[in-house]
């Protein structure tokens, strides 16, 4: 099982980035997918989630209207489009695949730094 994030980097405030998370080794389409982030000195927190069944989404209040999560089951990939980035969005972003009961996988993380 692997989840590999890509697309992180340094961006100026107001800029955009798109994170990707490529999955392998499990039945991607039957898993809920979630992006989390962890800023220095803070706990890991949910950013956005997309379900396996209906594709419904939910977002942290801090990113609503700026971030969009999507999935491509044909490519076994989940995306996080991040627009209007702010310095407070700086964190390591992790993708997570979850299926009840007991299946829970994490990627290695991608650094996103928003700074001028």
Protein backbone atom coordinates (compact mmCIF):
# COMPACT_ATOMS: atom_id res chain seq x y z
CA UNK A 1 0.00 0.00 0.00
CA UNK A 2 1.31 3.42 -0.95
CA UNK A 3 0.06 6.99 -0.89
CA UNK A 4 2.47 9.45 -2.46
CA UNK A 5 1.82 13.19 -2.23
CA UNK A 6 3.27 15.67 -4.69
CA UNK A 7 2.81 19.29 -5.70
CA UNK A 8 3.91 21.03 -2.54
CA UNK A 9 6.33 23.93 -2.46
CA UNK A 10 6.81 27.61 -1.77
CA UNK A 11 4.16 30.07 -2.96
CA UNK A 12 3.44 33.72 -2.30
CA UNK A 13 0.32 34.80 -0.42
CA UNK A 14 -2.64 34.86 -2.76
CA UNK A 15 -1.13 32.17 -4.96
CA UNK A 16 -2.30 28.67 -5.82
CA UNK A 17 -1.01 25.13 -5.58
CA UNK A 18 -2.47 21.76 -6.45
CA UNK A 19 -1.54 18.77 -4.35
CA UNK A 20 -1.86 15.27 -5.72
CA UNK A 21 -1.88 11.97 -3.89
CA UNK A 22 -1.33 8.85 -5.97
CA UNK A 23 -2.46 5.59 -4.42
CA UNK A 24 -1.58 1.98 -5.06
CA UNK A 25 -2.04 -1.39 -3.44
CA UNK A 26 -5.69 -1.14 -2.44
CA UNK A 27 -9.14 -0.61 -3.96
CA UNK A 28 -8.97 3.17 -4.17
CA UNK A 29 -12.55 3.74 -5.26
CA UNK A 30 -14.01 2.21 -2.11
CA UNK A 31 -12.12 4.45 0.31
CA UNK A 32 -12.99 7.82 1.75
CA UNK A 33 -10.14 10.23 1.12
CA UNK A 34 -9.06 13.05 3.37
CA UNK A 35 -6.43 15.75 3.33
CA UNK A 36 -5.01 16.73 6.70
CA UNK A 37 -2.37 19.29 7.59
CA UNK A 38 -0.03 19.83 10.47
CA UNK A 39 1.57 23.18 11.15
CA UNK A 40 4.64 23.50 13.40
CA UNK A 41 3.66 23.11 17.04
CA UNK A 42 0.07 22.18 16.21
CA UNK A 43 -1.90 18.98 15.97
CA UNK A 44 -2.81 17.39 12.67
CA UNK A 45 -6.17 18.74 11.49
CA UNK A 46 -8.68 17.82 8.81
CA UNK A 47 -8.65 20.06 5.76
CA UNK A 48 -11.04 18.37 3.33
CA UNK A 49 -12.72 15.01 2.79
CA UNK A 50 -14.42 13.29 -0.13
CA UNK A 51 -16.45 10.14 0.29
CA UNK A 52 -16.22 6.96 -1.70
CA UNK A 53 -19.92 6.42 -2.28
CA UNK A 54 -21.47 9.72 -3.28
CA UNK A 55 -18.38 11.85 -3.69
CA UNK A 56 -19.74 14.32 -1.20
CA UNK A 57 -17.23 16.72 0.30
CA UNK A 58 -16.68 18.63 3.48
CA UNK A 59 -14.11 21.24 4.45
CA UNK A 60 -12.59 22.90 7.45
CA UNK A 61 -14.11 26.34 7.94
CA UNK A 62 -10.71 27.93 7.46
CA UNK A 63 -10.43 26.71 3.85
CA UNK A 64 -14.04 26.82 2.62
CA UNK A 65 -14.34 28.69 -0.62
CA UNK A 66 -10.58 28.53 -1.25
CA UNK A 67 -9.73 24.81 -1.39
CA UNK A 68 -11.35 22.08 -3.49
CA UNK A 69 -10.91 18.35 -3.03
CA UNK A 70 -11.53 15.99 -5.93
CA UNK A 71 -10.80 12.41 -6.88
CA UNK A 72 -10.12 10.49 -10.06
CA UNK A 73 -10.83 6.83 -9.43
CA UNK A 74 -9.51 5.88 -12.86
CA UNK A 75 -6.13 7.32 -11.93
CA UNK A 76 -6.24 6.32 -8.25
CA UNK A 77 -5.49 9.91 -7.35
CA UNK A 78 -6.95 12.51 -5.02
CA UNK A 79 -6.30 16.22 -5.48
CA UNK A 80 -6.42 19.32 -3.36
CA UNK A 81 -6.66 22.56 -5.30
CA UNK A 82 -5.60 25.41 -3.04
CA UNK A 83 -6.33 28.99 -4.08
CA UNK A 84 -5.92 32.35 -2.34
CA UNK A 85 -3.28 30.84 -0.10
CA UNK A 86 -2.46 32.53 3.18
CA UNK A 87 0.62 32.29 5.41
CA UNK A 88 -1.50 30.39 7.93
CA UNK A 89 -1.95 27.63 5.35
CA UNK A 90 1.73 26.77 5.79
CA UNK A 91 1.94 23.17 6.96
CA UNK A 92 2.80 19.63 5.99
CA UNK A 93 -0.17 18.22 4.10
CA UNK A 94 -1.00 14.54 4.37
CA UNK A 95 -3.44 12.42 2.41
CA UNK A 96 -5.36 9.67 4.13
CA UNK A 97 -7.41 6.78 2.80
CA UNK A 98 -9.93 5.24 5.14
CA UNK A 99 -12.41 2.38 4.90
CA UNK A 100 -14.44 1.00 7.75
CA UNK A 101 -13.55 -1.20 9.53
CA UNK A 102 -9.90 -0.87 10.27
CA UNK A 103 -8.35 0.23 6.99
CA UNK A 104 -6.43 3.47 7.36
CA UNK A 105 -3.48 4.55 5.24
CA UNK A 106 -1.31 7.68 5.26
CA UNK A 107 1.01 9.36 2.83
CA UNK A 108 4.40 10.71 3.80
CA UNK A 109 3.38 14.36 3.62
CA UNK A 110 4.09 17.34 1.38
CA UNK A 111 5.38 20.67 2.63
CA UNK A 112 3.42 23.76 1.66
CA UNK A 113 4.96 27.11 2.56
CA UNK A 114 3.13 30.36 1.93
CA UNK A 115 5.47 33.30 2.28
CA UNK A 116 6.54 36.43 0.49
